[in-house]
Amino acid sequence: MTANTPQAGRDRRRARPSKTVIAAAALGVAAIVFVTLCPIGLRPHLAGANLERLAAYALLGTLVSRAAGRSALGATMAMMVLAFGLEAAQRFAPGRHAHLADAVIKAFGGVSGVAAYQLFFPLRRALIRLSVASDPAWALAPVYVTSR
């Protein structure tokens, strides 16, 4: 029964992300490209510019990392190329200005999102292993009730 599941046994590490996850990452990249290269008046303003850059790229880094599966290096490189490439492309967009500091903030946000996603599962697995609930013997342990 477990041999038919795509993430069972040794093949678990080779499991592919779903098409929905890949589509969400592609939509995220498209949104970042649009917001980065559109006229400044069309860009949404929710907080300070640096905080918006950091949060947007951290979220995108998480999506790209999830779509990349276990290829953390590939997701990291994709975020670095995207951050610096889009910042360089702003030189050709009218009304936009490219700054190295902005590219560094974007790259840091993207790499932070990748790292957060890649560290989530090992930390979750370690917490489960350390918890009492992960030990099946706890269910068979006798319960002693005392009264005074």
N, C-alpha and C. Protein backbone atom coordinates (compact mmCIF):
# COMPACT_ATOMS: atom_id res chain seq x y z
N MET A 1 0.82 -1.18 0.00
CA MET A 1 0.00 0.00 0.00
C MET A 1 0.87 1.26 0.00
N THR A 2 1.95 1.25 0.75
CA THR A 2 2.80 2.43 0.77
C THR A 2 3.69 2.52 -0.46
N ALA A 3 3.84 1.43 -1.20
CA ALA A 3 4.68 1.46 -2.39
C ALA A 3 4.05 2.30 -3.50
N ASN A 4 2.74 2.47 -3.48
CA ASN A 4 2.06 3.25 -4.51
C ASN A 4 2.09 4.74 -4.24
N THR A 5 2.36 5.14 -3.00
CA THR A 5 2.39 6.57 -2.71
C THR A 5 3.68 7.16 -3.25
N PRO A 6 3.63 8.37 -3.80
CA PRO A 6 4.81 8.94 -4.44
C PRO A 6 5.92 9.33 -3.47
N GLN A 7 5.64 9.46 -2.19
CA GLN A 7 6.66 9.91 -1.26
C GLN A 7 7.00 8.85 -0.23
N ALA A 8 6.93 7.60 -0.60
CA ALA A 8 7.20 6.53 0.35
C ALA A 8 8.63 6.02 0.20
N GLY A 9 9.24 5.66 1.31
CA GLY A 9 10.54 5.01 1.31
C GLY A 9 11.66 5.86 0.72
N ARG A 10 12.53 5.20 -0.05
CA ARG A 10 13.69 5.88 -0.62
C ARG A 10 13.31 6.94 -1.63
N ASP A 11 12.17 6.81 -2.29
CA ASP A 11 11.76 7.76 -3.32
C ASP A 11 11.24 9.08 -2.74
N ARG A 12 11.14 9.17 -1.42
CA ARG A 12 10.62 10.37 -0.79
C ARG A 12 11.47 11.58 -1.15
N ARG A 13 12.77 11.41 -1.23
CA ARG A 13 13.65 12.52 -1.53
C ARG A 13 13.55 12.95 -2.99
N ARG A 14 13.04 12.10 -3.85
CA ARG A 14 12.91 12.43 -5.27
C ARG A 14 11.53 12.94 -5.64
N ALA A 15 10.70 13.16 -4.65
CA ALA A 15 9.33 13.60 -4.92
C ALA A 15 9.34 14.98 -5.57
N ARG A 16 8.48 15.17 -6.52
CA ARG A 16 8.37 16.44 -7.24
C ARG A 16 7.30 17.30 -6.59
N PRO A 17 7.50 18.62 -6.60
CA PRO A 17 6.44 19.50 -6.09
C PRO A 17 5.25 19.48 -7.04
N SER A 18 4.11 19.81 -6.51
CA SER A 18 2.90 19.79 -7.34
C SER A 18 2.91 20.94 -8.35
N LYS A 19 2.08 20.79 -9.35
CA LYS A 19 1.98 21.84 -10.37
C LYS A 19 1.40 23.12 -9.78
N THR A 20 0.60 23.00 -8.74
CA THR A 20 0.04 24.18 -8.08
C THR A 20 1.14 25.00 -7.42
N VAL A 21 2.08 24.33 -6.77
CA VAL A 21 3.20 25.02 -6.12
C VAL A 21 4.07 25.71 -7.16
N ILE A 22 4.34 25.03 -8.24
CA ILE A 22 5.15 25.61 -9.31
C ILE A 22 4.43 26.81 -9.93
N ALA A 23 3.12 26.70 -10.12
CA ALA A 23 2.34 27.81 -10.67
C ALA A 23 2.33 29.00 -9.71
N ALA A 24 2.23 28.74 -8.41
CA ALA A 24 2.25 29.83 -7.42
C ALA A 24 3.60 30.54 -7.44
N ALA A 25 4.68 29.78 -7.56
CA ALA A 25 6.00 30.40 -7.64
C ALA A 25 6.14 31.22 -8.93
N ALA A 26 5.64 30.71 -10.04
CA ALA A 26 5.71 31.44 -11.31
C ALA A 26 4.88 32.72 -11.25
N LEU A 27 3.71 32.65 -10.63
CA LEU A 27 2.89 33.86 -10.47
C LEU A 27 3.57 34.87 -9.56
N GLY A 28 4.24 34.37 -8.53
CA GLY A 28 4.98 35.26 -7.64
C GLY A 28 6.11 35.97 -8.36
N VAL A 29 6.83 35.22 -9.19
CA VAL A 29 7.90 35.84 -9.98
C VAL A 29 7.32 36.86 -10.94
N ALA A 30 6.22 36.53 -11.58
CA ALA A 30 5.59 37.47 -12.52
C ALA A 30 5.13 38.75 -11.80
N ALA A 31 4.58 38.59 -10.62
CA ALA A 31 4.14 39.77 -9.85
C ALA A 31 5.32 40.65 -9.46
N ILE A 32 6.42 40.03 -9.03
CA ILE A 32 7.61 40.79 -8.66
C ILE A 32 8.20 41.50 -9.88
N VAL A 33 8.22 40.82 -11.01
CA VAL A 33 8.73 41.44 -12.24
C VAL A 33 7.88 42.64 -12.61
N PHE A 34 6.56 42.48 -12.54
CA PHE A 34 5.67 43.59 -12.89
C PHE A 34 5.88 44.77 -11.95
N VAL A 35 5.88 44.51 -10.65
CA VAL A 35 5.99 45.59 -9.68
C VAL A 35 7.36 46.27 -9.76
N THR A 36 8.38 45.50 -10.09
CA THR A 36 9.72 46.07 -10.18
C THR A 36 9.90 46.95 -11.41
N LEU A 37 9.28 46.58 -12.51
CA LEU A 37 9.51 47.29 -13.77
C LEU A 37 8.39 48.23 -14.18
N CYS A 38 7.28 48.24 -13.47
CA CYS A 38 6.16 49.11 -13.83
C CYS A 38 6.48 50.56 -13.42
N PRO A 39 5.73 51.52 -13.94
CA PRO A 39 5.92 52.90 -13.48
C PRO A 39 5.67 52.99 -11.97
N ILE A 40 6.38 53.89 -11.33
CA ILE A 40 6.35 53.97 -9.87
C ILE A 40 4.95 54.25 -9.32
N GLY A 41 4.11 54.88 -10.11
CA GLY A 41 2.75 55.17 -9.67
C GLY A 41 1.87 53.93 -9.56
N LEU A 42 2.19 52.87 -10.29
CA LEU A 42 1.40 51.64 -10.25
C LEU A 42 1.86 50.68 -9.14
N ARG A 43 3.01 50.99 -8.54
CA ARG A 43 3.54 50.09 -7.50
C ARG A 43 2.73 50.28 -6.22
N PRO A 44 2.30 49.16 -5.59
CA PRO A 44 1.55 49.30 -4.34
C PRO A 44 2.46 49.78 -3.21
N HIS A 45 1.91 50.58 -2.32
CA HIS A 45 2.66 51.09 -1.17
C HIS A 45 1.94 50.65 0.10
N LEU A 46 2.54 49.72 0.82
CA LEU A 46 1.94 49.21 2.05
C LEU A 46 2.74 49.61 3.29
N ALA A 47 4.04 49.72 3.13
CA ALA A 47 4.94 50.08 4.24
C ALA A 47 6.13 50.81 3.64
N GLY A 48 7.20 50.90 4.39
CA GLY A 48 8.42 51.50 3.85
C GLY A 48 8.93 50.68 2.68
N ALA A 49 9.62 51.34 1.77
CA ALA A 49 10.06 50.66 0.55
C ALA A 49 10.98 49.48 0.86
N ASN A 50 11.93 49.66 1.77
CA ASN A 50 12.86 48.57 2.08
C ASN A 50 12.15 47.40 2.75
N LEU A 51 11.21 47.69 3.63
CA LEU A 51 10.44 46.61 4.28
C LEU A 51 9.59 45.86 3.26
N GLU A 52 9.00 46.59 2.32
CA GLU A 52 8.22 45.94 1.26
C GLU A 52 9.10 45.04 0.40
N ARG A 53 10.28 45.52 0.03
CA ARG A 53 11.20 44.71 -0.77
C ARG A 53 11.60 43.44 -0.02
N LEU A 54 11.98 43.60 1.22
CA LEU A 54 12.43 42.46 2.02
C LEU A 54 11.32 41.43 2.18
N ALA A 55 10.12 41.88 2.52
CA ALA A 55 9.00 40.95 2.74
C ALA A 55 8.57 40.27 1.44
N ALA A 56 8.52 41.03 0.36
CA ALA A 56 8.09 40.45 -0.92
C ALA A 56 9.07 39.38 -1.39
N TYR A 57 10.35 39.67 -1.30
CA TYR A 57 11.34 38.71 -1.74
C TYR A 57 11.46 37.53 -0.78
N ALA A 58 11.21 37.74 0.51
CA ALA A 58 11.22 36.61 1.45
C ALA A 58 10.07 35.66 1.13
N LEU A 59 8.90 36.20 0.85
CA LEU A 59 7.77 35.37 0.47
C LEU A 59 8.04 34.66 -0.86
N LEU A 60 8.61 35.38 -1.81
CA LEU A 60 8.94 34.77 -3.09
C LEU A 60 10.01 33.70 -2.92
N GLY A 61 10.99 33.94 -2.06
CA GLY A 61 12.02 32.95 -1.79
C GLY A 61 11.44 31.67 -1.22
N THR A 62 10.45 31.82 -0.36
CA THR A 62 9.77 30.64 0.19
C THR A 62 9.04 29.87 -0.89
N LEU A 63 8.34 30.57 -1.77
CA LEU A 63 7.62 29.92 -2.86
C LEU A 63 8.57 29.23 -3.84
N VAL A 64 9.65 29.91 -4.20
CA VAL A 64 10.61 29.34 -5.13
C VAL A 64 11.30 28.13 -4.50
N SER A 65 11.61 28.22 -3.21
CA SER A 65 12.24 27.10 -2.53
C SER A 65 11.31 25.89 -2.47
N ARG A 66 10.04 26.14 -2.23
CA ARG A 66 9.08 25.04 -2.22
C ARG A 66 8.95 24.42 -3.60
N ALA A 67 8.97 25.24 -4.63
CA ALA A 67 8.87 24.73 -5.99
C ALA A 67 10.14 24.00 -6.40
N ALA A 68 11.28 24.38 -5.83
CA ALA A 68 12.55 23.73 -6.17
C ALA A 68 12.75 22.42 -5.42
N GLY A 69 11.93 22.16 -4.43
CA GLY A 69 12.06 20.92 -3.67
C GLY A 69 13.29 20.94 -2.79
N ARG A 70 14.14 19.94 -2.93
CA ARG A 70 15.33 19.85 -2.09
C ARG A 70 16.53 20.57 -2.67
N SER A 71 16.36 21.26 -3.77
CA SER A 71 17.45 21.98 -4.41
C SER A 71 17.54 23.39 -3.83
N ALA A 72 18.09 23.49 -2.63
CA ALA A 72 18.20 24.79 -1.98
C ALA A 72 19.19 25.69 -2.71
N LEU A 73 20.25 25.11 -3.23
CA LEU A 73 21.24 25.91 -3.96
C LEU A 73 20.64 26.50 -5.22
N GLY A 74 19.84 25.73 -5.92
CA GLY A 74 19.18 26.24 -7.12
C GLY A 74 18.21 27.36 -6.80
N ALA A 75 17.46 27.20 -5.72
CA ALA A 75 16.51 28.25 -5.32
C ALA A 75 17.25 29.51 -4.89
N THR A 76 18.36 29.34 -4.18
CA THR A 76 19.16 30.49 -3.76
C THR A 76 19.73 31.23 -4.95
N MET A 77 20.26 30.49 -5.89
CA MET A 77 20.82 31.13 -7.09
C MET A 77 19.73 31.82 -7.90
N ALA A 78 18.57 31.21 -7.99
CA ALA A 78 17.46 31.84 -8.72
C ALA A 78 17.06 33.16 -8.07
N MET A 79 17.04 33.21 -6.75
CA MET A 79 16.66 34.44 -6.05
C MET A 79 17.74 35.51 -6.23
N MET A 80 19.00 35.12 -6.20
CA MET A 80 20.08 36.09 -6.38
C MET A 80 20.04 36.67 -7.80
N VAL A 81 19.87 35.80 -8.80
CA VAL A 81 19.82 36.26 -10.18
C VAL A 81 18.60 37.15 -10.39
N LEU A 82 17.47 36.77 -9.82
CA LEU A 82 16.25 37.57 -9.96
C LEU A 82 16.41 38.94 -9.32
N ALA A 83 16.95 38.98 -8.11
CA ALA A 83 17.09 40.26 -7.39
C ALA A 83 18.03 41.21 -8.13
N PHE A 84 19.22 40.73 -8.48
CA PHE A 84 20.18 41.60 -9.14
C PHE A 84 19.80 41.86 -10.59
N GLY A 85 19.21 40.88 -11.25
CA GLY A 85 18.80 41.06 -12.65
C GLY A 85 17.68 42.06 -12.80
N LEU A 86 16.68 41.99 -11.92
CA LEU A 86 15.58 42.95 -12.02
C LEU A 86 16.02 44.34 -11.62
N GLU A 87 16.93 44.42 -10.67
CA GLU A 87 17.42 45.75 -10.29
C GLU A 87 18.21 46.36 -11.44
N ALA A 88 18.98 45.55 -12.15
CA ALA A 88 19.70 46.05 -13.33
C ALA A 88 18.74 46.41 -14.45
N ALA A 89 17.65 45.68 -14.58
CA ALA A 89 16.66 45.96 -15.63
C ALA A 89 15.94 47.27 -15.37
N GLN A 90 15.93 47.74 -14.13
CA GLN A 90 15.29 49.03 -13.84
C GLN A 90 16.01 50.19 -14.52
N ARG A 91 17.26 49.99 -14.89
CA ARG A 91 17.99 51.06 -15.59
C ARG A 91 17.34 51.36 -16.94
N PHE A 92 16.64 50.40 -17.50
CA PHE A 92 16.02 50.57 -18.81
C PHE A 92 14.54 50.94 -18.72
N ALA A 93 13.98 50.92 -17.52
CA ALA A 93 12.57 51.29 -17.33
C ALA A 93 12.48 52.79 -17.08
N PRO A 94 11.63 53.49 -17.84
CA PRO A 94 11.53 54.93 -17.63
C PRO A 94 10.94 55.25 -16.25
N GLY A 95 11.58 56.20 -15.59
CA GLY A 95 11.10 56.63 -14.28
C GLY A 95 11.57 55.76 -13.12
N ARG A 96 12.35 54.75 -13.39
CA ARG A 96 12.85 53.87 -12.33
C ARG A 96 14.35 54.03 -12.23
N HIS A 97 14.89 53.79 -11.06
CA HIS A 97 16.32 53.96 -10.83
C HIS A 97 16.85 52.71 -10.15
N ALA A 98 17.97 52.20 -10.64
CA ALA A 98 18.59 51.01 -10.07
C ALA A 98 19.62 51.42 -9.02
N HIS A 99 19.53 50.78 -7.84
CA HIS A 99 20.49 51.02 -6.76
C HIS A 99 20.98 49.68 -6.26
N LEU A 100 22.28 49.60 -6.01
CA LEU A 100 22.87 48.37 -5.50
C LEU A 100 22.31 48.01 -4.12
N ALA A 101 22.05 49.02 -3.29
CA ALA A 101 21.52 48.76 -1.96
C ALA A 101 20.15 48.08 -2.03
N ASP A 102 19.32 48.49 -2.99
CA ASP A 102 18.01 47.86 -3.16
C ASP A 102 18.17 46.40 -3.58
N ALA A 103 19.12 46.13 -4.47
CA ALA A 103 19.36 44.75 -4.92
C ALA A 103 19.84 43.88 -3.78
N VAL A 104 20.66 44.43 -2.91
CA VAL A 104 21.16 43.66 -1.76
C VAL A 104 20.02 43.34 -0.80
N ILE A 105 19.14 44.27 -0.56
CA ILE A 105 17.99 44.03 0.32
C ILE A 105 17.08 42.96 -0.28
N LYS A 106 16.84 43.05 -1.58
CA LYS A 106 16.00 42.06 -2.26
C LYS A 106 16.65 40.67 -2.20
N ALA A 107 17.94 40.60 -2.46
CA ALA A 107 18.64 39.31 -2.43
C ALA A 107 18.64 38.74 -1.02
N PHE A 108 18.84 39.58 -0.01
CA PHE A 108 18.81 39.10 1.37
C PHE A 108 17.43 38.57 1.73
N GLY A 109 16.38 39.25 1.31
CA GLY A 109 15.03 38.77 1.57
C GLY A 109 14.77 37.44 0.89
N GLY A 110 15.19 37.31 -0.37
CA GLY A 110 14.98 36.06 -1.10
C GLY A 110 15.74 34.90 -0.50
N VAL A 111 17.00 35.13 -0.15
CA VAL A 111 17.81 34.07 0.46
C VAL A 111 17.26 33.72 1.84
N SER A 112 16.77 34.70 2.58
CA SER A 112 16.17 34.43 3.89
C SER A 112 14.92 33.56 3.75
N GLY A 113 14.11 33.83 2.74
CA GLY A 113 12.93 33.00 2.50
C GLY A 113 13.30 31.58 2.13
N VAL A 114 14.32 31.41 1.31
CA VAL A 114 14.78 30.07 0.94
C VAL A 114 15.29 29.34 2.18
N ALA A 115 16.11 30.02 2.98
CA ALA A 115 16.67 29.40 4.17
C ALA A 115 15.58 29.03 5.18
N ALA A 116 14.61 29.91 5.35
CA ALA A 116 13.53 29.62 6.29
C ALA A 116 12.75 28.39 5.87
N TYR A 117 12.46 28.27 4.58
CA TYR A 117 11.71 27.11 4.12
C TYR A 117 12.54 25.84 4.23
N GLN A 118 13.81 25.91 3.87
CA GLN A 118 14.66 24.72 3.90
C GLN A 118 14.93 24.27 5.34
N LEU A 119 14.94 25.19 6.30
CA LEU A 119 15.17 24.82 7.70
C LEU A 119 13.90 24.40 8.42
N PHE A 120 12.75 24.71 7.86
CA PHE A 120 11.50 24.40 8.53
C PHE A 120 11.32 22.90 8.76
N PHE A 121 11.55 22.09 7.75
CA PHE A 121 11.28 20.66 7.87
C PHE A 121 12.28 19.93 8.77
N PRO A 122 13.58 20.20 8.71
CA PRO A 122 14.47 19.54 9.67
C PRO A 122 14.17 19.94 11.12
N LEU A 123 13.82 21.21 11.33
CA LEU A 123 13.49 21.63 12.69
C LEU A 123 12.20 20.96 13.16
N ARG A 124 11.23 20.87 12.28
CA ARG A 124 9.97 20.21 12.63
C ARG A 124 10.21 18.74 12.96
N ARG A 125 11.03 18.08 12.15
CA ARG A 125 11.34 16.67 12.38
C ARG A 125 12.08 16.49 13.71
N ALA A 126 13.01 17.40 14.03
CA ALA A 126 13.73 17.30 15.30
C ALA A 126 12.81 17.52 16.48
N LEU A 127 11.89 18.46 16.36
CA LEU A 127 10.94 18.70 17.45
C LEU A 127 10.03 17.50 17.67
N ILE A 128 9.62 16.86 16.60
CA ILE A 128 8.78 15.68 16.73
C ILE A 128 9.55 14.54 17.39
N ARG A 129 10.80 14.39 17.00
CA ARG A 129 11.61 13.33 17.61
C ARG A 129 11.87 13.58 19.08
N LEU A 130 11.98 14.84 19.47
CA LEU A 130 12.23 15.16 20.87
C LEU A 130 10.98 15.13 21.72
N SER A 131 9.84 15.21 21.09
CA SER A 131 8.60 15.27 21.88
C SER A 131 8.22 13.88 22.39
N VAL A 132 7.45 13.87 23.41
CA VAL A 132 7.01 12.62 24.01
C VAL A 132 6.00 11.92 23.10
N ALA A 133 5.23 12.69 22.37
CA ALA A 133 4.18 12.12 21.54
C ALA A 133 4.74 11.28 20.40
N SER A 134 6.00 11.49 20.03
CA SER A 134 6.56 10.71 18.94
C SER A 134 6.92 9.30 19.36
N ASP A 135 6.98 9.04 20.66
CA ASP A 135 7.32 7.72 21.17
C ASP A 135 6.04 6.90 21.29
N PRO A 136 5.88 5.82 20.51
CA PRO A 136 4.64 5.06 20.59
C PRO A 136 4.47 4.32 21.92
N ALA A 137 5.54 4.20 22.70
CA ALA A 137 5.43 3.49 23.98
C ALA A 137 4.63 4.28 25.00
N TRP A 138 4.48 5.57 24.80
CA TRP A 138 3.74 6.37 25.78
C TRP A 138 2.29 5.93 25.87
N ALA A 139 1.73 5.43 24.78
CA ALA A 139 0.33 5.00 24.79
C ALA A 139 0.15 3.71 25.57
N LEU A 140 1.19 2.90 25.67
CA LEU A 140 1.10 1.63 26.38
C LEU A 140 1.52 1.73 27.84
N ALA A 141 2.03 2.89 28.24
CA ALA A 141 2.49 3.04 29.62
C ALA A 141 1.30 3.03 30.56
N PRO A 142 1.42 2.34 31.71
CA PRO A 142 0.29 2.30 32.65
C PRO A 142 0.08 3.66 33.31
N VAL A 143 -1.15 3.94 33.59
CA VAL A 143 -1.51 5.17 34.27
C VAL A 143 -1.86 4.82 35.69
N TYR A 144 -1.19 5.44 36.63
CA TYR A 144 -1.44 5.19 38.04
C TYR A 144 -2.27 6.35 38.60
N VAL A 145 -3.37 6.01 39.19
CA VAL A 145 -4.24 7.00 39.80
C VAL A 145 -4.15 6.80 41.30
N THR A 146 -3.80 7.88 41.95
CA THR A 146 -3.72 7.80 43.41
C THR A 146 -4.73 8.76 44.00
N SER A 147 -5.18 8.43 45.18
CA SER A 147 -6.09 9.32 45.88
C SER A 147 -5.59 9.48 47.31
N ARG A 148 -5.93 10.52 47.93
CA ARG A 148 -5.51 10.77 49.29
C ARG A 148 -6.59 10.50 50.25
